[in-house]
Amino acid sequence: MKLAFWSVGKPHESYVKTGTTDFTERIGHYYKCDWKIIAPPKQAGSMTAPALKAAEAELVLSQLGKDDCLVLLDETGKMLSSPGLADFIHQQANQSCRQIVFLIGGAFGVDAAIRQRAQLVWSLSALVFPHMLVRLILAEQVYRACTILRNEKYHHA
């Protein structure tokens, strides 16, 4: 199984790049893993929020495989504990999922088409975080889930 982290927006800023690279490499000991940064449409600045979300959804959905498991990160989603995330990843692996795509949407959120396509809408917190920080938290939490699945010492329950 492969894990893919997708984020709509700008490339990693330096304060995030080091951490996301480190955790992505660590995850690589368990699963193939990579990042895809999806640039917003060129005319994004002149678009209304609904039009921008629709255009971003088109970009995302065109790159998503029909068998990919999509996990949308959204503050209105279901909260999971770290062991709960580990269980979710384990269930997907047991169901022969080829790829889990964790998606961080654009600045205005995501279009309903993305939400409908997602197998899981996951909230990291009731708080709203900057998208760059979410990238780092996501990578760390997925790494933590991997160590939980292997019963390694990183996670102290």
N, C-alpha and C. Protein backbone atom coordinates (compact mmCIF):
# COMPACT_ATOMS: atom_id res chain seq x y z
N MET A 1 0.84 -1.18 0.00
CA MET A 1 0.00 0.00 0.00
C MET A 1 0.89 1.24 0.00
N LYS A 2 0.38 2.28 -0.61
CA LYS A 2 1.10 3.55 -0.68
C LYS A 2 0.29 4.62 0.06
N LEU A 3 0.99 5.55 0.69
CA LEU A 3 0.36 6.69 1.33
C LEU A 3 0.77 7.94 0.55
N ALA A 4 -0.20 8.78 0.23
CA ALA A 4 0.08 10.00 -0.51
C ALA A 4 -0.49 11.18 0.27
N PHE A 5 0.30 12.22 0.41
CA PHE A 5 -0.13 13.45 1.06
C PHE A 5 -0.29 14.50 -0.02
N TRP A 6 -1.50 14.99 -0.20
CA TRP A 6 -1.77 16.03 -1.19
C TRP A 6 -2.21 17.28 -0.48
N SER A 7 -1.74 18.41 -0.96
CA SER A 7 -2.13 19.69 -0.39
C SER A 7 -2.32 20.71 -1.51
N VAL A 8 -3.45 21.39 -1.48
CA VAL A 8 -3.71 22.44 -2.44
C VAL A 8 -3.07 23.71 -1.88
N GLY A 9 -2.21 24.33 -2.65
CA GLY A 9 -1.57 25.57 -2.18
C GLY A 9 -0.15 25.71 -2.65
N LYS A 10 0.60 26.47 -1.88
CA LYS A 10 1.99 26.78 -2.20
C LYS A 10 2.90 25.63 -1.78
N PRO A 11 4.12 25.59 -2.34
CA PRO A 11 5.11 24.60 -1.88
C PRO A 11 5.40 24.79 -0.39
N HIS A 12 5.99 23.75 0.22
CA HIS A 12 6.33 23.81 1.64
C HIS A 12 7.20 25.04 1.94
N GLU A 13 6.87 25.74 3.01
CA GLU A 13 7.75 26.80 3.49
C GLU A 13 8.86 26.15 4.30
N SER A 14 9.97 26.87 4.46
CA SER A 14 11.15 26.27 5.09
C SER A 14 10.89 25.73 6.49
N TYR A 15 10.04 26.42 7.26
CA TYR A 15 9.80 25.95 8.62
C TYR A 15 9.01 24.64 8.65
N VAL A 16 8.39 24.26 7.57
CA VAL A 16 7.63 23.02 7.48
C VAL A 16 8.41 21.95 6.72
N LYS A 17 9.18 22.36 5.75
CA LYS A 17 9.86 21.43 4.85
C LYS A 17 10.74 20.43 5.60
N THR A 18 11.53 20.91 6.54
CA THR A 18 12.43 20.03 7.27
C THR A 18 11.66 18.95 8.02
N GLY A 19 10.62 19.34 8.72
CA GLY A 19 9.83 18.37 9.49
C GLY A 19 9.06 17.40 8.62
N THR A 20 8.42 17.92 7.58
CA THR A 20 7.65 17.02 6.72
C THR A 20 8.58 16.04 5.99
N THR A 21 9.74 16.51 5.59
CA THR A 21 10.70 15.62 4.93
C THR A 21 11.15 14.53 5.89
N ASP A 22 11.46 14.91 7.13
CA ASP A 22 11.90 13.94 8.13
C ASP A 22 10.83 12.88 8.38
N PHE A 23 9.59 13.30 8.64
CA PHE A 23 8.54 12.33 8.93
C PHE A 23 8.17 11.50 7.70
N THR A 24 8.23 12.10 6.52
CA THR A 24 7.94 11.35 5.30
C THR A 24 8.98 10.25 5.09
N GLU A 25 10.24 10.57 5.35
CA GLU A 25 11.29 9.54 5.24
C GLU A 25 11.07 8.44 6.27
N ARG A 26 10.66 8.80 7.48
CA ARG A 26 10.39 7.80 8.51
C ARG A 26 9.23 6.90 8.10
N ILE A 27 8.17 7.49 7.55
CA ILE A 27 7.02 6.70 7.09
C ILE A 27 7.46 5.73 6.00
N GLY A 28 8.44 6.14 5.20
CA GLY A 28 8.95 5.29 4.13
C GLY A 28 9.50 3.95 4.59
N HIS A 29 9.78 3.80 5.87
CA HIS A 29 10.22 2.51 6.41
C HIS A 29 9.05 1.54 6.52
N TYR A 30 7.83 2.06 6.45
CA TYR A 30 6.62 1.24 6.61
C TYR A 30 5.82 1.13 5.31
N TYR A 31 5.67 2.27 4.63
CA TYR A 31 4.88 2.35 3.40
C TYR A 31 5.59 3.29 2.43
N LYS A 32 5.37 3.05 1.14
CA LYS A 32 5.80 4.05 0.16
C LYS A 32 4.98 5.30 0.44
N CYS A 33 5.61 6.45 0.34
CA CYS A 33 4.95 7.69 0.74
C CYS A 33 5.53 8.86 -0.04
N ASP A 34 4.64 9.79 -0.45
CA ASP A 34 5.14 10.99 -1.10
C ASP A 34 4.15 12.14 -0.94
N TRP A 35 4.63 13.33 -1.30
CA TRP A 35 3.83 14.56 -1.24
C TRP A 35 3.53 15.03 -2.66
N LYS A 36 2.34 15.57 -2.82
CA LYS A 36 1.97 16.25 -4.06
C LYS A 36 1.36 17.59 -3.66
N ILE A 37 2.00 18.65 -4.10
CA ILE A 37 1.47 19.99 -3.86
C ILE A 37 0.73 20.41 -5.13
N ILE A 38 -0.55 20.64 -5.00
CA ILE A 38 -1.39 21.00 -6.14
C ILE A 38 -1.57 22.51 -6.16
N ALA A 39 -1.03 23.13 -7.18
CA ALA A 39 -1.12 24.59 -7.30
C ALA A 39 -2.56 25.00 -7.59
N PRO A 40 -3.02 26.06 -6.94
CA PRO A 40 -4.36 26.56 -7.25
C PRO A 40 -4.41 27.03 -8.70
N PRO A 41 -5.61 27.16 -9.26
CA PRO A 41 -5.73 27.66 -10.63
C PRO A 41 -5.06 29.03 -10.78
N LYS A 42 -4.57 29.33 -11.96
CA LYS A 42 -3.86 30.58 -12.23
C LYS A 42 -4.70 31.82 -11.92
N GLN A 43 -5.97 31.78 -12.21
CA GLN A 43 -6.85 32.92 -12.01
C GLN A 43 -7.50 32.91 -10.61
N ALA A 44 -6.94 32.20 -9.65
CA ALA A 44 -7.54 32.03 -8.33
C ALA A 44 -7.88 33.36 -7.65
N GLY A 45 -7.03 34.36 -7.79
CA GLY A 45 -7.25 35.64 -7.14
C GLY A 45 -8.50 36.37 -7.58
N SER A 46 -8.97 36.08 -8.78
CA SER A 46 -10.15 36.77 -9.29
C SER A 46 -11.42 35.91 -9.21
N MET A 47 -11.31 34.74 -8.62
CA MET A 47 -12.47 33.83 -8.55
C MET A 47 -13.21 33.99 -7.22
N THR A 48 -14.51 33.73 -7.25
CA THR A 48 -15.27 33.67 -6.00
C THR A 48 -14.86 32.39 -5.26
N ALA A 49 -15.11 32.35 -3.96
CA ALA A 49 -14.75 31.17 -3.18
C ALA A 49 -15.41 29.90 -3.74
N PRO A 50 -16.72 29.90 -4.04
CA PRO A 50 -17.32 28.68 -4.60
C PRO A 50 -16.70 28.26 -5.94
N ALA A 51 -16.40 29.23 -6.80
CA ALA A 51 -15.80 28.91 -8.10
C ALA A 51 -14.39 28.35 -7.91
N LEU A 52 -13.65 28.92 -6.97
CA LEU A 52 -12.31 28.43 -6.69
C LEU A 52 -12.35 27.01 -6.14
N LYS A 53 -13.26 26.74 -5.21
CA LYS A 53 -13.38 25.38 -4.66
C LYS A 53 -13.74 24.38 -5.76
N ALA A 54 -14.63 24.77 -6.67
CA ALA A 54 -15.02 23.88 -7.77
C ALA A 54 -13.83 23.61 -8.70
N ALA A 55 -13.04 24.64 -8.99
CA ALA A 55 -11.87 24.47 -9.86
C ALA A 55 -10.82 23.60 -9.18
N GLU A 56 -10.61 23.80 -7.89
CA GLU A 56 -9.66 22.97 -7.16
C GLU A 56 -10.13 21.52 -7.11
N ALA A 57 -11.44 21.32 -6.93
CA ALA A 57 -12.00 19.96 -6.90
C ALA A 57 -11.74 19.26 -8.23
N GLU A 58 -11.91 19.98 -9.31
CA GLU A 58 -11.66 19.41 -10.64
C GLU A 58 -10.20 18.97 -10.76
N LEU A 59 -9.28 19.79 -10.28
CA LEU A 59 -7.85 19.44 -10.31
C LEU A 59 -7.58 18.18 -9.49
N VAL A 60 -8.13 18.14 -8.29
CA VAL A 60 -7.89 17.01 -7.38
C VAL A 60 -8.51 15.73 -7.95
N LEU A 61 -9.77 15.79 -8.31
CA LEU A 61 -10.48 14.60 -8.78
C LEU A 61 -9.88 14.04 -10.06
N SER A 62 -9.32 14.90 -10.90
CA SER A 62 -8.71 14.43 -12.15
C SER A 62 -7.43 13.63 -11.89
N GLN A 63 -6.82 13.82 -10.72
CA GLN A 63 -5.57 13.13 -10.39
C GLN A 63 -5.78 11.93 -9.47
N LEU A 64 -6.99 11.78 -8.99
CA LEU A 64 -7.31 10.72 -8.04
C LEU A 64 -7.70 9.45 -8.80
N GLY A 65 -7.12 8.33 -8.42
CA GLY A 65 -7.49 7.06 -9.03
C GLY A 65 -8.84 6.59 -8.51
N LYS A 66 -9.57 5.83 -9.33
CA LYS A 66 -10.91 5.40 -8.92
C LYS A 66 -10.88 4.49 -7.70
N ASP A 67 -9.79 3.78 -7.48
CA ASP A 67 -9.68 2.88 -6.33
C ASP A 67 -8.95 3.49 -5.15
N ASP A 68 -8.51 4.74 -5.29
CA ASP A 68 -7.81 5.40 -4.17
C ASP A 68 -8.78 5.63 -3.02
N CYS A 69 -8.28 5.45 -1.82
CA CYS A 69 -9.04 5.79 -0.62
C CYS A 69 -8.71 7.24 -0.28
N LEU A 70 -9.70 8.10 -0.30
CA LEU A 70 -9.48 9.53 -0.05
C LEU A 70 -9.84 9.87 1.39
N VAL A 71 -8.89 10.47 2.10
CA VAL A 71 -9.10 10.99 3.44
C VAL A 71 -8.98 12.50 3.36
N LEU A 72 -10.08 13.18 3.60
CA LEU A 72 -10.11 14.64 3.56
C LEU A 72 -9.89 15.18 4.96
N LEU A 73 -8.91 16.06 5.11
CA LEU A 73 -8.71 16.73 6.40
C LEU A 73 -9.58 17.97 6.43
N ASP A 74 -10.44 18.06 7.44
CA ASP A 74 -11.38 19.16 7.54
C ASP A 74 -11.80 19.30 9.01
N GLU A 75 -11.86 20.54 9.48
CA GLU A 75 -12.17 20.76 10.90
C GLU A 75 -13.56 20.27 11.29
N THR A 76 -14.44 20.00 10.33
CA THR A 76 -15.78 19.50 10.65
C THR A 76 -15.86 17.98 10.60
N GLY A 77 -14.73 17.33 10.35
CA GLY A 77 -14.72 15.89 10.21
C GLY A 77 -14.72 15.15 11.53
N LYS A 78 -14.56 13.86 11.43
CA LYS A 78 -14.53 12.96 12.59
C LYS A 78 -13.15 13.04 13.25
N MET A 79 -13.14 13.18 14.55
CA MET A 79 -11.87 13.17 15.27
C MET A 79 -11.46 11.72 15.54
N LEU A 80 -10.18 11.46 15.37
CA LEU A 80 -9.62 10.14 15.64
C LEU A 80 -8.50 10.27 16.66
N SER A 81 -8.36 9.29 17.49
CA SER A 81 -7.18 9.21 18.34
C SER A 81 -6.03 8.69 17.48
N SER A 82 -4.83 8.76 17.98
CA SER A 82 -3.69 8.21 17.23
C SER A 82 -3.87 6.70 17.00
N PRO A 83 -4.28 5.91 18.02
CA PRO A 83 -4.56 4.50 17.75
C PRO A 83 -5.73 4.32 16.76
N GLY A 84 -6.70 5.22 16.78
CA GLY A 84 -7.81 5.15 15.82
C GLY A 84 -7.33 5.35 14.40
N LEU A 85 -6.39 6.28 14.19
CA LEU A 85 -5.81 6.47 12.87
C LEU A 85 -5.04 5.23 12.45
N ALA A 86 -4.29 4.66 13.38
CA ALA A 86 -3.55 3.42 13.09
C ALA A 86 -4.52 2.32 12.66
N ASP A 87 -5.64 2.19 13.37
CA ASP A 87 -6.64 1.18 13.01
C ASP A 87 -7.20 1.42 11.62
N PHE A 88 -7.48 2.69 11.28
CA PHE A 88 -8.00 3.02 9.96
C PHE A 88 -7.00 2.60 8.88
N ILE A 89 -5.74 2.94 9.05
CA ILE A 89 -4.71 2.58 8.07
C ILE A 89 -4.61 1.06 7.95
N HIS A 90 -4.65 0.37 9.08
CA HIS A 90 -4.58 -1.10 9.10
C HIS A 90 -5.78 -1.71 8.37
N GLN A 91 -6.97 -1.17 8.59
CA GLN A 91 -8.17 -1.67 7.90
C GLN A 91 -8.04 -1.50 6.39
N GLN A 92 -7.53 -0.35 5.96
CA GLN A 92 -7.37 -0.12 4.53
C GLN A 92 -6.36 -1.11 3.93
N ALA A 93 -5.28 -1.37 4.65
CA ALA A 93 -4.29 -2.33 4.18
C ALA A 93 -4.91 -3.73 4.08
N ASN A 94 -5.72 -4.09 5.07
CA ASN A 94 -6.37 -5.41 5.07
C ASN A 94 -7.41 -5.54 3.96
N GLN A 95 -7.96 -4.41 3.51
CA GLN A 95 -8.94 -4.43 2.43
C GLN A 95 -8.26 -4.28 1.06
N SER A 96 -6.95 -4.46 1.05
CA SER A 96 -6.15 -4.39 -0.17
C SER A 96 -6.22 -3.03 -0.87
N CYS A 97 -6.34 -1.99 -0.08
CA CYS A 97 -6.29 -0.64 -0.64
C CYS A 97 -4.90 -0.41 -1.22
N ARG A 98 -4.83 0.10 -2.43
CA ARG A 98 -3.53 0.34 -3.06
C ARG A 98 -2.93 1.66 -2.63
N GLN A 99 -3.79 2.67 -2.38
CA GLN A 99 -3.27 3.98 -2.01
C GLN A 99 -4.28 4.73 -1.15
N ILE A 100 -3.79 5.28 -0.06
CA ILE A 100 -4.58 6.22 0.74
C ILE A 100 -4.06 7.61 0.41
N VAL A 101 -4.95 8.49 0.00
CA VAL A 101 -4.60 9.88 -0.29
C VAL A 101 -5.16 10.74 0.84
N PHE A 102 -4.28 11.41 1.57
CA PHE A 102 -4.67 12.36 2.60
C PHE A 102 -4.66 13.73 1.94
N LEU A 103 -5.81 14.40 1.92
CA LEU A 103 -5.93 15.66 1.21
C LEU A 103 -6.16 16.83 2.16
N ILE A 104 -5.31 17.85 2.01
CA ILE A 104 -5.50 19.13 2.68
C ILE A 104 -6.01 20.07 1.61
N GLY A 105 -7.23 20.55 1.75
CA GLY A 105 -7.86 21.38 0.73
C GLY A 105 -7.27 22.78 0.68
N GLY A 106 -7.86 23.60 -0.16
CA GLY A 106 -7.40 24.96 -0.35
C GLY A 106 -7.81 25.89 0.78
N ALA A 107 -7.49 27.15 0.63
CA ALA A 107 -7.71 28.16 1.67
C ALA A 107 -9.18 28.33 2.05
N PHE A 108 -10.09 28.07 1.12
CA PHE A 108 -11.52 28.24 1.40
C PHE A 108 -12.22 26.91 1.65
N GLY A 109 -11.45 25.83 1.84
CA GLY A 109 -12.05 24.52 2.04
C GLY A 109 -12.18 23.78 0.72
N VAL A 110 -13.11 22.82 0.68
CA VAL A 110 -13.26 22.00 -0.52
C VAL A 110 -14.70 22.00 -1.01
N ASP A 111 -14.85 21.71 -2.26
CA ASP A 111 -16.15 21.59 -2.90
C ASP A 111 -16.86 20.33 -2.41
N ALA A 112 -18.18 20.33 -2.47
CA ALA A 112 -18.98 19.17 -2.04
C ALA A 112 -18.58 17.90 -2.79
N ALA A 113 -18.12 18.02 -4.03
CA ALA A 113 -17.72 16.84 -4.80
C ALA A 113 -16.56 16.09 -4.14
N ILE A 114 -15.65 16.82 -3.52
CA ILE A 114 -14.53 16.20 -2.81
C ILE A 114 -15.05 15.51 -1.55
N ARG A 115 -15.87 16.20 -0.82
CA ARG A 115 -16.43 15.65 0.42
C ARG A 115 -17.20 14.35 0.13
N GLN A 116 -17.95 14.34 -0.95
CA GLN A 116 -18.73 13.15 -1.31
C GLN A 116 -17.83 11.99 -1.72
N ARG A 117 -16.70 12.28 -2.33
CA ARG A 117 -15.77 11.24 -2.80
C ARG A 117 -14.95 10.64 -1.65
N ALA A 118 -14.81 11.38 -0.57
CA ALA A 118 -13.95 10.96 0.54
C ALA A 118 -14.54 9.76 1.29
N GLN A 119 -13.68 8.80 1.60
CA GLN A 119 -14.08 7.67 2.45
C GLN A 119 -14.08 8.07 3.92
N LEU A 120 -13.27 9.08 4.24
CA LEU A 120 -13.20 9.57 5.62
C LEU A 120 -12.95 11.07 5.58
N VAL A 121 -13.73 11.81 6.35
CA VAL A 121 -13.46 13.23 6.58
C VAL A 121 -12.94 13.29 8.01
N TRP A 122 -11.67 13.69 8.15
CA TRP A 122 -10.95 13.60 9.41
C TRP A 122 -10.60 14.99 9.91
N SER A 123 -10.89 15.23 11.18
CA SER A 123 -10.52 16.48 11.83
C SER A 123 -9.35 16.24 12.77
N LEU A 124 -8.31 17.03 12.61
CA LEU A 124 -7.19 16.96 13.55
C LEU A 124 -7.54 17.59 14.88
N SER A 125 -8.46 18.56 14.84
CA SER A 125 -8.80 19.33 16.04
C SER A 125 -10.00 20.20 15.73
N ALA A 126 -10.66 20.66 16.77
CA ALA A 126 -11.72 21.65 16.57
C ALA A 126 -11.12 23.02 16.25
N LEU A 127 -9.84 23.17 16.49
CA LEU A 127 -9.13 24.40 16.14
C LEU A 127 -8.85 24.43 14.65
N VAL A 128 -8.68 25.60 14.10
CA VAL A 128 -8.27 25.76 12.71
C VAL A 128 -6.78 26.10 12.71
N PHE A 129 -6.01 25.34 11.93
CA PHE A 129 -4.57 25.55 11.84
C PHE A 129 -4.20 26.08 10.46
N PRO A 130 -3.06 26.79 10.36
CA PRO A 130 -2.56 27.17 9.04
C PRO A 130 -2.26 25.89 8.23
N HIS A 131 -2.51 25.94 6.94
CA HIS A 131 -2.32 24.76 6.10
C HIS A 131 -0.90 24.21 6.18
N MET A 132 0.08 25.07 6.26
CA MET A 132 1.46 24.61 6.35
C MET A 132 1.68 23.78 7.62
N LEU A 133 1.10 24.23 8.72
CA LEU A 133 1.24 23.49 9.97
C LEU A 133 0.50 22.16 9.91
N VAL A 134 -0.64 22.13 9.23
CA VAL A 134 -1.40 20.88 9.08
C VAL A 134 -0.53 19.85 8.36
N ARG A 135 0.25 20.27 7.39
CA ARG A 135 1.13 19.33 6.68
C ARG A 135 2.07 18.62 7.65
N LEU A 136 2.66 19.40 8.54
CA LEU A 136 3.60 18.82 9.50
C LEU A 136 2.87 17.91 10.49
N ILE A 137 1.74 18.34 11.00
CA ILE A 137 0.97 17.53 11.95
C ILE A 137 0.53 16.23 11.28
N LEU A 138 0.05 16.32 10.05
CA LEU A 138 -0.39 15.13 9.32
C LEU A 138 0.74 14.12 9.19
N ALA A 139 1.91 14.58 8.74
CA ALA A 139 3.04 13.67 8.56
C ALA A 139 3.44 13.02 9.88
N GLU A 140 3.46 13.81 10.95
CA GLU A 140 3.83 13.25 12.26
C GLU A 140 2.81 12.24 12.72
N GLN A 141 1.53 12.53 12.57
CA GLN A 141 0.49 11.63 13.05
C GLN A 141 0.46 10.32 12.25
N VAL A 142 0.70 10.39 10.97
CA VAL A 142 0.76 9.16 10.18
C VAL A 142 1.98 8.34 10.58
N TYR A 143 3.11 9.00 10.82
CA TYR A 143 4.28 8.28 11.32
C TYR A 143 3.96 7.62 12.66
N ARG A 144 3.32 8.35 13.54
CA ARG A 144 2.94 7.81 14.85
C ARG A 144 2.05 6.57 14.67
N ALA A 145 1.08 6.65 13.76
CA ALA A 145 0.19 5.52 13.49
C ALA A 145 1.00 4.30 13.02
N CYS A 146 1.99 4.53 12.18
CA CYS A 146 2.83 3.43 11.71
C CYS A 146 3.57 2.76 12.86
N THR A 147 4.08 3.56 13.78
CA THR A 147 4.80 2.98 14.92
C THR A 147 3.85 2.24 15.86
N ILE A 148 2.61 2.72 15.97
CA ILE A 148 1.61 2.02 16.78
C ILE A 148 1.33 0.65 16.17
N LEU A 149 1.18 0.60 14.86
CA LEU A 149 0.90 -0.67 14.19
C LEU A 149 2.02 -1.69 14.38
N ARG A 150 3.24 -1.21 14.53
CA ARG A 150 4.39 -2.10 14.74
C ARG A 150 4.75 -2.25 16.23
N ASN A 151 3.92 -1.65 17.09
CA ASN A 151 4.16 -1.74 18.53
C ASN A 151 5.55 -1.22 18.90
N GLU A 152 5.96 -0.12 18.28
CA GLU A 152 7.25 0.48 18.56
C GLU A 152 7.11 1.56 19.64
N LYS A 153 8.24 2.06 20.14
CA LYS A 153 8.26 2.90 21.32
C LYS A 153 7.88 4.37 21.11
N TYR A 154 7.73 4.84 19.90
CA TYR A 154 7.50 6.26 19.66
C TYR A 154 6.25 6.77 20.37
N HIS A 155 5.16 6.02 20.30
CA HIS A 155 3.88 6.43 20.90
C HIS A 155 3.80 5.89 22.33
N HIS A 156 3.60 6.77 23.27
CA HIS A 156 3.47 6.37 24.68
C HIS A 156 2.01 6.44 25.08
N ALA A 157 1.34 5.32 25.07
CA ALA A 157 -0.10 5.31 25.37
C ALA A 157 -0.38 5.46 26.84
